[in-house]
Protein backbone atom coordinates (compact mmCIF):
# COMPACT_ATOMS: atom_id res chain seq x y z
CA MET A 1 -141.44 47.48 -19.56
CA ILE A 2 -143.21 48.67 -16.41
CA LYS A 3 -140.08 50.41 -15.16
CA ARG A 4 -139.73 52.27 -18.46
CA LEU A 5 -143.28 53.55 -18.04
CA ASN A 6 -142.69 54.91 -14.53
CA LYS A 7 -139.70 54.31 -12.25
CA ALA A 8 -141.90 54.20 -9.14
CA LEU A 9 -144.39 51.72 -10.61
CA PRO A 10 -142.51 48.45 -9.85
CA ALA A 11 -142.19 49.40 -6.18
CA LEU A 12 -145.86 50.36 -6.11
CA LEU A 13 -146.92 47.02 -7.63
CA LEU A 14 -144.68 45.14 -5.23
CA GLY A 15 -146.27 47.04 -2.35
CA ILE A 16 -149.75 46.06 -3.55
CA VAL A 17 -148.77 42.38 -3.68
CA LEU A 18 -147.09 42.51 -0.25
CA TYR A 19 -150.20 44.19 1.18
CA GLY A 20 -152.35 41.45 -0.38
CA LEU A 21 -150.18 38.70 1.08
CA LEU A 22 -150.28 40.31 4.52
CA VAL A 23 -154.07 40.68 4.48
CA GLN A 24 -154.45 37.13 3.11
CA PHE A 25 -152.28 35.43 5.71
CA ILE A 26 -153.62 37.39 8.67
CA GLY A 27 -157.31 37.49 7.83
CA VAL A 28 -157.94 34.04 6.39
CA TRP A 29 -157.81 32.51 9.88
CA PHE A 30 -160.71 34.62 11.16
CA VAL A 31 -163.38 34.02 8.51
CA LYS A 32 -165.76 31.12 7.89
CA ASP A 33 -165.80 31.24 4.08
CA LYS A 34 -162.11 31.24 3.23
CA LEU A 35 -162.67 30.83 -0.52
CA LEU A 36 -164.90 33.90 -0.91
CA TYR A 37 -162.54 35.86 1.37
CA SER A 38 -159.53 34.97 -0.76
CA THR A 39 -161.15 35.42 -4.16
CA GLY A 40 -162.62 38.78 -3.17
CA LEU A 41 -159.28 39.96 -1.85
CA TRP A 42 -157.31 38.91 -4.92
CA ILE A 43 -159.87 40.34 -7.33
CA GLY A 44 -159.39 43.62 -5.46
CA ILE A 45 -155.60 43.28 -5.54
CA ALA A 46 -155.74 42.63 -9.30
CA MET A 47 -157.92 45.72 -9.74
CA ALA A 48 -155.50 47.80 -7.64
CA MET A 49 -152.57 46.68 -9.80
CA GLY A 50 -154.53 47.36 -12.99
CA MET A 51 -155.49 50.80 -11.69
CA ALA A 52 -151.86 51.61 -10.85
CA ILE A 53 -150.69 50.66 -14.33
CA HIS A 54 -153.58 52.52 -15.97
CA ILE A 55 -152.90 55.67 -13.94
CA ALA A 56 -149.24 55.57 -15.01
CA VAL A 57 -150.21 55.16 -18.67
CA VAL A 58 -152.76 57.99 -18.54
CA ILE A 59 -150.28 60.34 -16.87
CA GLU A 60 -147.61 59.49 -19.45
CA ASP A 61 -150.07 60.11 -22.30
CA ALA A 62 -151.26 63.39 -20.77
CA ILE A 63 -147.69 64.63 -20.45
CA ALA A 64 -147.15 63.94 -24.15
CA LEU A 65 -150.13 66.11 -25.10
CA ASN A 66 -149.50 69.74 -26.00
CA GLY A 67 -152.61 71.49 -24.67
CA GLU A 68 -153.13 71.80 -20.92
CA ASN A 69 -156.93 71.75 -21.21
CA HIS A 70 -156.86 68.74 -23.50
CA ALA A 71 -154.55 66.87 -21.11
CA LYS A 72 -156.72 67.72 -18.11
CA ASN A 73 -159.88 66.60 -19.92
CA LYS A 74 -158.22 63.34 -20.94
CA ILE A 75 -157.12 62.61 -17.35
CA VAL A 76 -160.61 63.29 -16.00
CA ALA A 77 -162.29 61.17 -18.69
CA TRP A 78 -159.98 58.19 -18.13
CA SER A 79 -160.34 58.49 -14.35
CA LEU A 80 -164.12 58.37 -14.59
CA LEU A 81 -163.95 55.38 -16.92
CA ARG A 82 -161.53 53.61 -14.56
CA TYR A 83 -163.85 54.09 -11.58
CA MET A 84 -166.91 53.00 -13.57
CA ILE A 85 -165.10 49.78 -14.47
CA VAL A 86 -164.25 49.22 -10.79
CA VAL A 87 -167.91 49.68 -9.81
CA ILE A 88 -169.01 47.29 -12.58
CA ILE A 89 -166.54 44.66 -11.34
CA PHE A 90 -167.92 45.12 -7.81
CA PHE A 91 -171.48 44.52 -9.07
CA VAL A 92 -170.43 41.48 -11.13
CA THR A 93 -168.65 40.01 -8.10
CA LEU A 94 -171.73 40.60 -5.97
CA LYS A 95 -174.20 39.29 -8.57
CA PHE A 96 -172.31 36.05 -9.32
CA ARG A 97 -170.87 35.57 -5.79
CA LEU A 98 -167.31 35.47 -7.13
CA GLY A 99 -165.91 36.76 -3.85
CA ASN A 100 -166.50 38.78 -0.73
CA VAL A 101 -167.18 42.35 -1.86
CA LEU A 102 -165.88 43.83 1.39
CA MET A 103 -162.58 42.03 0.87
CA GLU A 104 -162.59 43.17 -2.74
CA PHE A 105 -162.76 46.75 -1.45
CA VAL A 106 -159.95 45.98 1.04
CA GLY A 107 -157.91 44.68 -1.92
CA VAL A 108 -158.51 47.84 -3.95
CA MET A 109 -157.37 49.86 -0.93
CA GLY A 110 -154.04 48.08 -1.41
CA LEU A 111 -153.32 50.78 -3.97
CA LYS A 112 -153.59 53.40 -1.24
CA ALA A 113 -151.51 51.39 1.25
CA ALA A 114 -148.84 50.70 -1.37
CA ALA A 115 -148.69 54.39 -2.30
CA TYR A 116 -147.77 55.17 1.30
CA LEU A 117 -145.25 52.29 1.43
CA GLN A 118 -143.75 53.00 -2.00
CA PRO A 119 -140.94 55.34 -0.86
CA PHE A 120 -139.79 52.77 1.70
CA ILE A 121 -139.96 49.88 -0.80
CA HIS A 122 -138.18 52.00 -3.43
CA ARG A 123 -135.41 52.80 -0.93
CA VAL A 124 -135.02 49.10 -0.05
CA LEU A 125 -134.91 48.07 -3.71
CA TYR A 126 -132.76 50.87 -5.11
CA GLY A 127 -130.95 52.39 -2.15
CA SER A 128 -131.14 55.91 -0.78
CA GLU A 129 -129.82 57.48 -3.98
CA GLY A 130 -132.75 56.16 -5.98
CA GLU A 131 -130.51 54.21 -8.34
CA GLU A 132 -130.57 50.48 -8.80
CA LYS A 133 -128.26 48.53 -6.53
CA PRO A 134 -125.54 46.75 -8.51
CA SER A 135 -125.72 42.99 -8.36
CA GLU A 136 -122.99 41.02 -6.60
CA ASN A 137 -121.78 39.58 -9.92
CA SER A 138 -121.53 42.91 -11.72
CA THR A 139 -118.15 44.49 -12.24
CA VAL A 140 -117.51 48.20 -11.99
CA ILE A 141 -115.15 49.60 -14.60
């Protein structure tokens, strides 16, 4: 389903998760409160993945619209709503001590890191032509 929405989205989501695993395994050894570190990071990673999917949906919807002004207004409105939700989640995390807010921000930045890594991950997954690699059990007719 995600691949039908946007062909680059699976590689982007995989990049976010790989970034999260890397930050988790490297950083957890250097902090005193490992639980807050981890929960903050993974709340941020979850937000980054949600933002990536939401951005893909909004872009797909905007492309389907006929008017350029209407599409632009819709993209701006959804972007503002998305960022307001992120800020609200930050405040909820801070208020109820659900995680380390700095690590939550580092997790959200996984979207940025994955965007830079996405072409490499896409090339590894699908080859240089951009098409899916055939499995070893598939037969070519």
